[in-house]
Amino acid sequence: MSLASYVHANVDTVKPVRVALIGCGGRGSYLAGVFQSQPGVSLTWVCDVDTARLQRGKKLARGTVQASNDIRKVLADKTLDACIVATPDHWHAPAAILACEAGKHVYVEKPCSHNVREGRLLVESARRNKRVVQHGTQVRSTPMMIEAVGLLEKGIIGDVKVSKAWNIQRRGNIGKGKPGTPPATLDYDNWVGPAEFIPYQANRTHSGWHWWYHFGTGDMGNDGVHDIDYARWGLGVDTHPAKICAMGGKYVFD
């Protein structure tokens, strides 16, 4: 069951589906609009550890909204139904698990976890608490891709033996940073949260976090999640691989 089907099942009820946005950056801002475009959905909480982004998040709401820089305060609201987790990667599983344990349904951005063990803990929490947890591999909901995979399943090209995923794009330079003082708007300790603490550095936070293993998962966890998902979907694979092989390196001057 997806959050969308949960939402539509509640459209005709008196009580709207009350949703919290955890993480008010670029992706969170986009998702706030998508969710609020669904009938019967109300964005009632926004949460971010950067007060500048928190203020921006408040402006995303199309109705009355509460704001906090502490996820625990948000999850303590017993009227809240679901959470959108759009934080940096290292907070995905912890935030989603906290939400499940608080009785909330979850839409969590990809990757669902910073490592495999966290992902399993999230699955266990969702099952134990009987919560709907939807992962942000949104192409699974794209009519074009659903039709394409349906044709593969019908044998339009015969038996599918191999699937190859390819992604290449230019990434902007994040520059060379040095440890410094966090801006007054950012609660850096809370931003680091469950990760190993390292001193603040400007190019490690907003957006730059993707490329630091403490907080992100690189392009494999960024776009690779989608690309590998397409490939596995087309193959009809729903189990973990028995073996993997990785090749590559950093072929640039530093």
C-alpha atoms as a PDB file:
ATOM      1  CA  MET A   1       0.000   0.000   0.000  1.00  0.00           C
ATOM      2  CA  SER A   2       1.387   3.439  -0.918  1.00  0.00           C
ATOM      3  CA  LEU A   3       0.828   6.713   0.882  1.00  0.00           C
ATOM      4  CA  ALA A   4      -1.150   7.870  -2.148  1.00  0.00           C
ATOM      5  CA  SER A   5      -3.649   5.031  -1.732  1.00  0.00           C
ATOM      6  CA  TYR A   6      -3.815   5.724   2.002  1.00  0.00           C
ATOM      7  CA  VAL A   7      -4.577   9.368   1.218  1.00  0.00           C
ATOM      8  CA  HIS A   8      -7.302   8.570  -1.318  1.00  0.00           C
ATOM      9  CA  ALA A   9      -8.895   6.094   1.086  1.00  0.00           C
ATOM     10  CA  ASN A  10      -9.357   8.961   3.536  1.00  0.00           C
ATOM     11  CA  VAL A  11     -10.570  11.672   1.149  1.00  0.00           C
ATOM     12  CA  ASP A  12     -14.228  11.228   2.028  1.00  0.00           C
ATOM     13  CA  THR A  13     -13.678  11.175   5.780  1.00  0.00           C
ATOM     14  CA  VAL A  14     -14.174  14.218   7.980  1.00  0.00           C
ATOM     15  CA  LYS A  15     -10.584  14.191   9.208  1.00  0.00           C
ATOM     16  CA  PRO A  16      -7.961  15.266   6.629  1.00  0.00           C
ATOM     17  CA  VAL A  17      -4.646  13.451   6.353  1.00  0.00           C
ATOM     18  CA  ARG A  18      -2.275  15.596   8.404  1.00  0.00           C
ATOM     19  CA  VAL A  19       1.311  15.515   7.175  1.00  0.00           C
ATOM     20  CA  ALA A  20       4.647  16.814   8.512  1.00  0.00           C
ATOM     21  CA  LEU A  21       7.601  17.811   6.346  1.00  0.00           C
ATOM     22  CA  ILE A  22      10.943  16.852   7.913  1.00  0.00           C
ATOM     23  CA  GLY A  23      13.612  18.719   5.967  1.00  0.00           C
ATOM     24  CA  CYS A  24      12.746  21.923   4.119  1.00  0.00           C
ATOM     25  CA  GLY A  25      15.467  21.949   1.465  1.00  0.00           C
ATOM     26  CA  GLY A  26      15.002  21.656  -2.285  1.00  0.00           C
ATOM     27  CA  ARG A  27      13.563  18.151  -2.354  1.00  0.00           C
ATOM     28  CA  GLY A  28      11.410  18.728   0.697  1.00  0.00           C
ATOM     29  CA  SER A  29       9.987  21.907  -0.800  1.00  0.00           C
ATOM     30  CA  TYR A  30       9.049  20.036  -3.972  1.00  0.00           C
ATOM     31  CA  LEU A  31       7.407  17.189  -2.074  1.00  0.00           C
ATOM     32  CA  ALA A  32       5.417  19.615   0.072  1.00  0.00           C
ATOM     33  CA  GLY A  33       3.746  20.870  -3.097  1.00  0.00           C
ATOM     34  CA  VAL A  34       3.131  17.366  -4.445  1.00  0.00           C
ATOM     35  CA  PHE A  35       1.526  16.159  -1.238  1.00  0.00           C
ATOM     36  CA  GLN A  36      -0.653  19.235  -0.853  1.00  0.00           C
ATOM     37  CA  SER A  37      -1.929  18.772  -4.404  1.00  0.00           C
ATOM     38  CA  GLN A  38      -3.547  15.497  -3.282  1.00  0.00           C
ATOM     39  CA  PRO A  39      -7.189  15.755  -2.156  1.00  0.00           C
ATOM     40  CA  GLY A  40      -7.626  15.600   1.592  1.00  0.00           C
ATOM     41  CA  VAL A  41      -3.991  16.299   2.533  1.00  0.00           C
ATOM     42  CA  SER A  42      -2.994  19.085   4.899  1.00  0.00           C
ATOM     43  CA  LEU A  43       0.607  20.096   5.689  1.00  0.00           C
ATOM     44  CA  THR A  44       0.396  20.840   9.410  1.00  0.00           C
ATOM     45  CA  TRP A  45       4.054  20.694  10.519  1.00  0.00           C
ATOM     46  CA  VAL A  46       7.413  21.688   9.057  1.00  0.00           C
ATOM     47  CA  CYS A  47      10.713  20.777  10.696  1.00  0.00           C
ATOM     48  CA  ASP A  48      14.290  21.777   9.942  1.00  0.00           C
ATOM     49  CA  VAL A  49      17.405  22.345  12.048  1.00  0.00           C
ATOM     50  CA  ASP A  50      18.229  25.449   9.993  1.00  0.00           C
ATOM     51  CA  THR A  51      15.896  28.255  11.030  1.00  0.00           C
ATOM     52  CA  ALA A  52      16.309  30.000   7.669  1.00  0.00           C
ATOM     53  CA  ARG A  53      15.015  26.904   5.886  1.00  0.00           C
ATOM     54  CA  LEU A  54      12.376  26.426   8.547  1.00  0.00           C
ATOM     55  CA  GLN A  55      10.964  29.870   7.789  1.00  0.00           C
ATOM     56  CA  ARG A  56      10.954  29.009   4.098  1.00  0.00           C
ATOM     57  CA  GLY A  57       9.180  25.770   4.924  1.00  0.00           C
ATOM     58  CA  LYS A  58       6.406  27.605   6.753  1.00  0.00           C
ATOM     59  CA  LYS A  59       5.660  29.522   3.566  1.00  0.00           C
ATOM     60  CA  LEU A  60       5.118  26.243   1.690  1.00  0.00           C
ATOM     61  CA  ALA A  61       2.011  25.399   3.700  1.00  0.00           C
ATOM     62  CA  ARG A  62      -1.343  26.253   2.146  1.00  0.00           C
ATOM     63  CA  GLY A  63      -3.004  26.454   5.545  1.00  0.00           C
ATOM     64  CA  THR A  64      -2.158  26.806   9.217  1.00  0.00           C
ATOM     65  CA  VAL A  65       1.173  25.178  10.000  1.00  0.00           C
ATOM     66  CA  GLN A  66       3.341  24.651  13.061  1.00  0.00           C
ATOM     67  CA  ALA A  67       7.139  24.724  12.920  1.00  0.00           C
ATOM     68  CA  SER A  68       9.929  23.227  15.001  1.00  0.00           C
ATOM     69  CA  ASN A  69      13.629  22.430  14.729  1.00  0.00           C
ATOM     70  CA  ASP A  70      13.124  19.276  16.830  1.00  0.00           C
ATOM     71  CA  ILE A  71      11.615  16.186  15.186  1.00  0.00           C
ATOM     72  CA  ARG A  72      10.623  14.815  18.593  1.00  0.00           C
ATOM     73  CA  LYS A  73       8.238  17.704  19.150  1.00  0.00           C
ATOM     74  CA  VAL A  74       6.659  17.121  15.750  1.00  0.00           C
ATOM     75  CA  LEU A  75       6.186  13.395  16.302  1.00  0.00           C
ATOM     76  CA  ALA A  76       4.640  13.989  19.720  1.00  0.00           C
ATOM     77  CA  ASP A  77       1.585  15.510  17.987  1.00  0.00           C
ATOM     78  CA  LYS A  78      -1.008  12.754  18.202  1.00  0.00           C
ATOM     79  CA  THR A  79      -3.131  14.383  15.485  1.00  0.00           C
ATOM     80  CA  LEU A  80      -0.347  13.882  12.930  1.00  0.00           C
ATOM     81  CA  ASP A  81      -0.884  11.036  10.439  1.00  0.00           C
ATOM     82  CA  ALA A  82       2.235  10.906   8.282  1.00  0.00           C
ATOM     83  CA  CYS A  83       5.719  12.331   7.725  1.00  0.00           C
ATOM     84  CA  ILE A  84       7.738  13.233   4.659  1.00  0.00           C
ATOM     85  CA  VAL A  85      11.424  12.583   5.408  1.00  0.00           C
ATOM     86  CA  ALA A  86      13.531  14.751   3.089  1.00  0.00           C
ATOM     87  CA  THR A  87      16.668  15.166   5.181  1.00  0.00           C
ATOM     88  CA  PRO A  88      20.280  14.365   4.278  1.00  0.00           C
ATOM     89  CA  ASP A  89      20.825  10.617   3.803  1.00  0.00           C
ATOM     90  CA  HIS A  90      22.250   9.899   7.253  1.00  0.00           C
ATOM     91  CA  TRP A  91      18.980  11.014   8.868  1.00  0.00           C
ATOM     92  CA  HIS A  92      16.632   9.041   6.561  1.00  0.00           C
ATOM     93  CA  ALA A  93      16.359   5.780   8.494  1.00  0.00           C
ATOM     94  CA  PRO A  94      16.565   7.266  12.020  1.00  0.00           C
ATOM     95  CA  ALA A  95      13.849   9.823  11.249  1.00  0.00           C
ATOM     96  CA  ALA A  96      11.635   7.259   9.516  1.00  0.00           C
ATOM     97  CA  ILE A  97      12.029   4.783  12.383  1.00  0.00           C
ATOM     98  CA  LEU A  98      11.200   7.471  14.949  1.00  0.00           C
ATOM     99  CA  ALA A  99       8.087   8.293  12.924  1.00  0.00           C
ATOM    100  CA  CYS A 100       6.988   4.641  12.752  1.00  0.00           C
ATOM    101  CA  GLU A 101       7.539   4.209  16.470  1.00  0.00           C
ATOM    102  CA  ALA A 102       5.381   7.308  17.040  1.00  0.00           C
ATOM    103  CA  GLY A 103       2.594   5.738  14.974  1.00  0.00           C
ATOM    104  CA  LYS A 104       3.052   7.820  11.812  1.00  0.00           C
ATOM    105  CA  HIS A 105       3.083   6.639   8.209  1.00  0.00           C
ATOM    106  CA  VAL A 106       6.182   7.672   6.239  1.00  0.00           C
ATOM    107  CA  TYR A 107       7.302   8.772   2.798  1.00  0.00           C
ATOM    108  CA  VAL A 108      11.104   8.616   2.974  1.00  0.00           C
ATOM    109  CA  GLU A 109      13.372   9.943   0.260  1.00  0.00           C
ATOM    110  CA  LYS A 110      15.901   7.671  -1.350  1.00  0.00           C
ATOM    111  CA  PRO A 111      18.082   6.064  -0.274  1.00  0.00           C
ATOM    112  CA  CYS A 112      15.911   4.796   2.572  1.00  0.00           C
ATOM    113  CA  SER A 113      19.005   4.310   4.708  1.00  0.00           C
ATOM    114  CA  HIS A 114      22.674   5.207   4.990  1.00  0.00           C
ATOM    115  CA  ASN A 115      23.650   1.530   5.192  1.00  0.00           C
ATOM    116  CA  VAL A 116      22.043  -1.905   4.791  1.00  0.00           C
ATOM    117  CA  ARG A 117      21.571  -2.538   8.517  1.00  0.00           C
ATOM    118  CA  GLU A 118      19.616   0.696   8.983  1.00  0.00           C
ATOM    119  CA  GLY A 119      17.366  -0.296   6.111  1.00  0.00           C
ATOM    120  CA  ARG A 120      16.536  -3.607   7.776  1.00  0.00           C
ATOM    121  CA  LEU A 121      15.793  -1.829  11.072  1.00  0.00           C
ATOM    122  CA  LEU A 122      13.370   0.432   9.197  1.00  0.00           C
ATOM    123  CA  VAL A 123      11.576  -2.542   7.635  1.00  0.00           C
ATOM    124  CA  GLU A 124      11.292  -4.180  11.051  1.00  0.00           C
ATOM    125  CA  SER A 125       9.931  -0.987  12.629  1.00  0.00           C
ATOM    126  CA  ALA A 126       7.342  -0.515   9.870  1.00  0.00           C
ATOM    127  CA  ARG A 127       6.116  -4.100  10.238  1.00  0.00           C
ATOM    128  CA  ARG A 128       6.115  -4.029  14.022  1.00  0.00           C
ATOM    129  CA  ASN A 129       4.103  -0.812  14.131  1.00  0.00           C
ATOM    130  CA  LYS A 130       1.943  -1.690  11.098  1.00  0.00           C
ATOM    131  CA  ARG A 131       2.861   1.556   9.343  1.00  0.00           C
ATOM    132  CA  VAL A 132       2.920   2.345   5.614  1.00  0.00           C
ATOM    133  CA  VAL A 133       6.458   3.302   4.559  1.00  0.00           C
ATOM    134  CA  GLN A 134       6.934   4.376   0.945  1.00  0.00           C
ATOM    135  CA  HIS A 135      10.398   4.824  -0.547  1.00  0.00           C
ATOM    136  CA  GLY A 136      11.175   7.729  -2.873  1.00  0.00           C
ATOM    137  CA  THR A 137      11.765   5.661  -6.023  1.00  0.00           C
ATOM    138  CA  GLN A 138       8.970   7.615  -7.647  1.00  0.00           C
ATOM    139  CA  VAL A 139       9.499   6.189 -11.136  1.00  0.00           C
ATOM    140  CA  ARG A 140       7.704   3.087  -9.850  1.00  0.00           C
ATOM    141  CA  SER A 141       4.585   5.269 -10.037  1.00  0.00           C
ATOM    142  CA  THR A 142       5.289   6.658 -13.529  1.00  0.00           C
ATOM    143  CA  PRO A 143       2.706   5.435 -16.096  1.00  0.00           C
ATOM    144  CA  MET A 144       5.322   5.265 -18.877  1.00  0.00           C
ATOM    145  CA  MET A 145       7.614   2.982 -16.866  1.00  0.00           C
ATOM    146  CA  ILE A 146       4.745   0.861 -15.559  1.00  0.00           C
ATOM    147  CA  GLU A 147       3.638   0.281 -19.151  1.00  0.00           C
ATOM    148  CA  ALA A 148       7.191  -0.491 -20.303  1.00  0.00           C
ATOM    149  CA  VAL A 149       7.801  -3.064 -17.575  1.00  0.00           C
ATOM    150  CA  GLY A 150       4.371  -4.551 -18.255  1.00  0.00           C
ATOM    151  CA  LEU A 151       5.377  -5.099 -21.884  1.00  0.00           C
ATOM    152  CA  LEU A 152       8.618  -6.769 -20.791  1.00  0.00           C
ATOM    153  CA  GLU A 153       6.650  -9.084 -18.528  1.00  0.00           C
ATOM    154  CA  LYS A 154       4.438 -10.025 -21.489  1.00  0.00           C
ATOM    155  CA  GLY A 155       7.546 -11.044 -23.433  1.00  0.00           C
ATOM    156  CA  ILE A 156       7.606  -8.258 -26.028  1.00  0.00           C
ATOM    157  CA  ILE A 157      11.368  -8.814 -26.510  1.00  0.00           C
ATOM    158  CA  GLY A 158      11.505 -12.405 -25.291  1.00  0.00           C
ATOM    159  CA  ASP A 159      13.216 -13.553 -22.106  1.00  0.00           C
ATOM    160  CA  VAL A 160      15.137 -10.729 -20.429  1.00  0.00           C
ATOM    161  CA  LYS A 161      18.601 -12.016 -19.529  1.00  0.00           C
ATOM    162  CA  VAL A 162      20.601  -8.845 -18.926  1.00  0.00           C
ATOM    163  CA  SER A 163      19.767  -5.314 -17.892  1.00  0.00           C
ATOM    164  CA  LYS A 164      22.291  -2.473 -18.031  1.00  0.00           C
ATOM    165  CA  ALA A 165      21.869   0.803 -16.126  1.00  0.00           C
ATOM    166  CA  TRP A 166      23.927   3.804 -17.168  1.00  0.00           C
ATOM    167  CA  ASN A 167      24.158   7.275 -15.687  1.00  0.00           C
ATOM    168  CA  ILE A 168      26.551  10.056 -16.571  1.00  0.00           C
ATOM    169  CA  GLN A 169      26.236  13.709 -15.703  1.00  0.00           C
ATOM    170  CA  ARG A 170      28.391  16.627 -14.740  1.00  0.00           C
ATOM    171  CA  ARG A 171      28.454  17.496 -11.065  1.00  0.00           C
ATOM    172  CA  GLY A 172      29.324  20.987  -9.911  1.00  0.00           C
ATOM    173  CA  ASN A 173      32.495  21.626  -7.950  1.00  0.00           C
ATOM    174  CA  ILE A 174      31.828  21.819  -4.204  1.00  0.00           C
ATOM    175  CA  GLY A 175      35.163  23.541  -3.647  1.00  0.00           C
ATOM    176  CA  LYS A 176      37.723  23.034  -0.925  1.00  0.00           C
ATOM    177  CA  GLY A 177      36.379  23.918   2.477  1.00  0.00           C
ATOM    178  CA  LYS A 178      37.980  24.386   5.857  1.00  0.00           C
ATOM    179  CA  PRO A 179      36.506  23.772   9.305  1.00  0.00           C
ATOM    180  CA  GLY A 180      34.761  26.861  10.598  1.00  0.00           C
ATOM    181  CA  THR A 181      31.884  28.179  12.664  1.00  0.00           C
ATOM    182  CA  PRO A 182      28.354  27.135  11.678  1.00  0.00           C
ATOM    183  CA  PRO A 183      26.010  29.969  10.671  1.00  0.00           C
ATOM    184  CA  ALA A 184      23.792  31.251  13.466  1.00  0.00           C
ATOM    185  CA  THR A 185      20.729  29.761  11.758  1.00  0.00           C
ATOM    186  CA  LEU A 186      22.053  26.181  11.796  1.00  0.00           C
ATOM    187  CA  ASP A 187      21.898  23.822  14.786  1.00  0.00           C
ATOM    188  CA  TYR A 188      24.896  21.853  13.573  1.00  0.00           C
ATOM    189  CA  ASP A 189      24.945  19.305  16.407  1.00  0.00           C
ATOM    190  CA  ASN A 190      21.361  18.356  15.588  1.00  0.00           C
ATOM    191  CA  TRP A 191      22.137  18.380  11.859  1.00  0.00           C
ATOM    192  CA  VAL A 192      24.930  15.818  12.395  1.00  0.00           C
ATOM    193  CA  GLY A 193      22.578  13.875  14.661  1.00  0.00           C
ATOM    194  CA  PRO A 194      23.209  10.112  14.400  1.00  0.00           C
ATOM    195  CA  ALA A 195      26.399  10.437  12.327  1.00  0.00           C
ATOM    196  CA  GLU A 196      29.931  10.523  13.701  1.00  0.00           C
ATOM    197  CA  PHE A 197      30.666  14.117  14.643  1.00  0.00           C
ATOM    198  CA  ILE A 198      33.123  16.040  12.487  1.00  0.00           C
ATOM    199  CA  PRO A 199      33.696  19.812  12.626  1.00  0.00           C
ATOM    200  CA  TYR A 200      31.426  22.058  10.581  1.00  0.00           C
ATOM    201  CA  GLN A 201      32.586  22.833   7.073  1.00  0.00           C
ATOM    202  CA  ALA A 202      30.414  24.833   4.669  1.00  0.00           C
ATOM    203  CA  ASN A 203      30.727  22.408   1.739  1.00  0.00           C
ATOM    204  CA  ARG A 204      29.688  19.460   3.895  1.00  0.00           C
ATOM    205  CA  THR A 205      26.200  20.733   4.630  1.00  0.00           C
ATOM    206  CA  HIS A 206      23.378  21.953   2.380  1.00  0.00           C
ATOM    207  CA  SER A 207      23.611  19.948  -0.855  1.00  0.00           C
ATOM    208  CA  GLY A 208      27.355  19.317  -0.421  1.00  0.00           C
ATOM    209  CA  TRP A 209      26.589  16.553   2.082  1.00  0.00           C
ATOM    210  CA  HIS A 210      25.894  14.149  -0.814  1.00  0.00           C
ATOM    211  CA  TRP A 211      29.620  13.745  -1.406  1.00  0.00           C
ATOM    212  CA  TRP A 212      30.772  13.047   2.161  1.00  0.00           C
ATOM    213  CA  TYR A 213      30.388   9.484   3.463  1.00  0.00           C
ATOM    214  CA  HIS A 214      29.542  10.695   6.960  1.00  0.00           C
ATOM    215  CA  PHE A 215      26.297  12.153   5.641  1.00  0.00           C
ATOM    216  CA  GLY A 216      25.673  11.096   2.038  1.00  0.00           C
ATOM    217  CA  THR A 217      26.004   8.078  -0.219  1.00  0.00           C
ATOM    218  CA  GLY A 218      27.561   9.618  -3.328  1.00  0.00           C
ATOM    219  CA  ASP A 219      25.951   9.228  -6.711  1.00  0.00           C
ATOM    220  CA  MET A 220      25.345   5.522  -6.142  1.00  0.00           C
ATOM    221  CA  GLY A 221      22.894   6.408  -3.389  1.00  0.00           C
ATOM    222  CA  ASN A 222      21.706   9.549  -5.146  1.00  0.00           C
ATOM    223  CA  ASP A 223      20.798   8.663  -8.745  1.00  0.00           C
ATOM    224  CA  GLY A 224      22.153   5.114  -8.696  1.00  0.00           C
ATOM    225  CA  VAL A 225      19.216   4.081  -6.530  1.00  0.00           C
ATOM    226  CA  HIS A 226      16.861   4.947  -9.392  1.00  0.00           C
ATOM    227  CA  ASP A 227      18.996   3.486 -12.177  1.00  0.00           C
ATOM    228  CA  ILE A 228      19.578   0.152 -10.463  1.00  0.00           C
ATOM    229  CA  ASP A 229      15.914   0.018  -9.487  1.00  0.00           C
ATOM    230  CA  TYR A 230      14.856   0.344 -13.151  1.00  0.00           C
ATOM    231  CA  ALA A 231      17.242  -2.452 -14.099  1.00  0.00           C
ATOM    232  CA  ARG A 232      16.051  -4.800 -11.371  1.00  0.00           C
ATOM    233  CA  TRP A 233      12.416  -4.002 -12.111  1.00  0.00           C
ATOM    234  CA  GLY A 234      12.891  -4.838 -15.771  1.00  0.00           C
ATOM    235  CA  LEU A 235      14.558  -8.122 -14.854  1.00  0.00           C
ATOM    236  CA  GLY A 236      11.737  -9.011 -12.500  1.00  0.00           C
ATOM    237  CA  VAL A 237      14.183  -9.344  -9.609  1.00  0.00           C
ATOM    238  CA  ASP A 238      12.911  -8.892  -6.061  1.00  0.00           C
ATOM    239  CA  THR A 239      15.682 -10.533  -4.021  1.00  0.00           C
ATOM    240  CA  HIS A 240      19.141  -9.426  -2.927  1.00  0.00           C
ATOM    241  CA  PRO A 241      22.100 -10.284  -5.198  1.00  0.00           C
ATOM    242  CA  ALA A 242      24.270 -13.303  -4.393  1.00  0.00           C
ATOM    243  CA  LYS A 243      27.420 -11.590  -5.687  1.00  0.00           C
ATOM    244  CA  ILE A 244      28.496  -8.132  -6.784  1.00  0.00           C
ATOM    245  CA  CYS A 245      31.587  -6.711  -8.458  1.00  0.00           C
ATOM    246  CA  ALA A 246      32.671  -3.076  -8.286  1.00  0.00           C
ATOM    247  CA  MET A 247      35.259  -1.297 -10.409  1.00  0.00           C
ATOM    248  CA  GLY A 248      36.185   2.342 -10.618  1.00  0.00           C
ATOM    249  CA  GLY A 249      38.121   5.138  -9.030  1.00  0.00           C
ATOM    250  CA  LYS A 250      38.555   8.862  -8.733  1.00  0.00           C
ATOM    251  CA  TYR A 251      40.120   9.754 -12.062  1.00  0.00           C
ATOM    252  CA  VAL A 252      40.709  13.441 -11.499  1.00  0.00           C
ATOM    253  CA  PHE A 253      43.443  15.669 -10.142  1.00  0.00           C
ATOM    254  CA  ASP A 254      42.681  16.806  -6.619  1.00  0.00           C
END
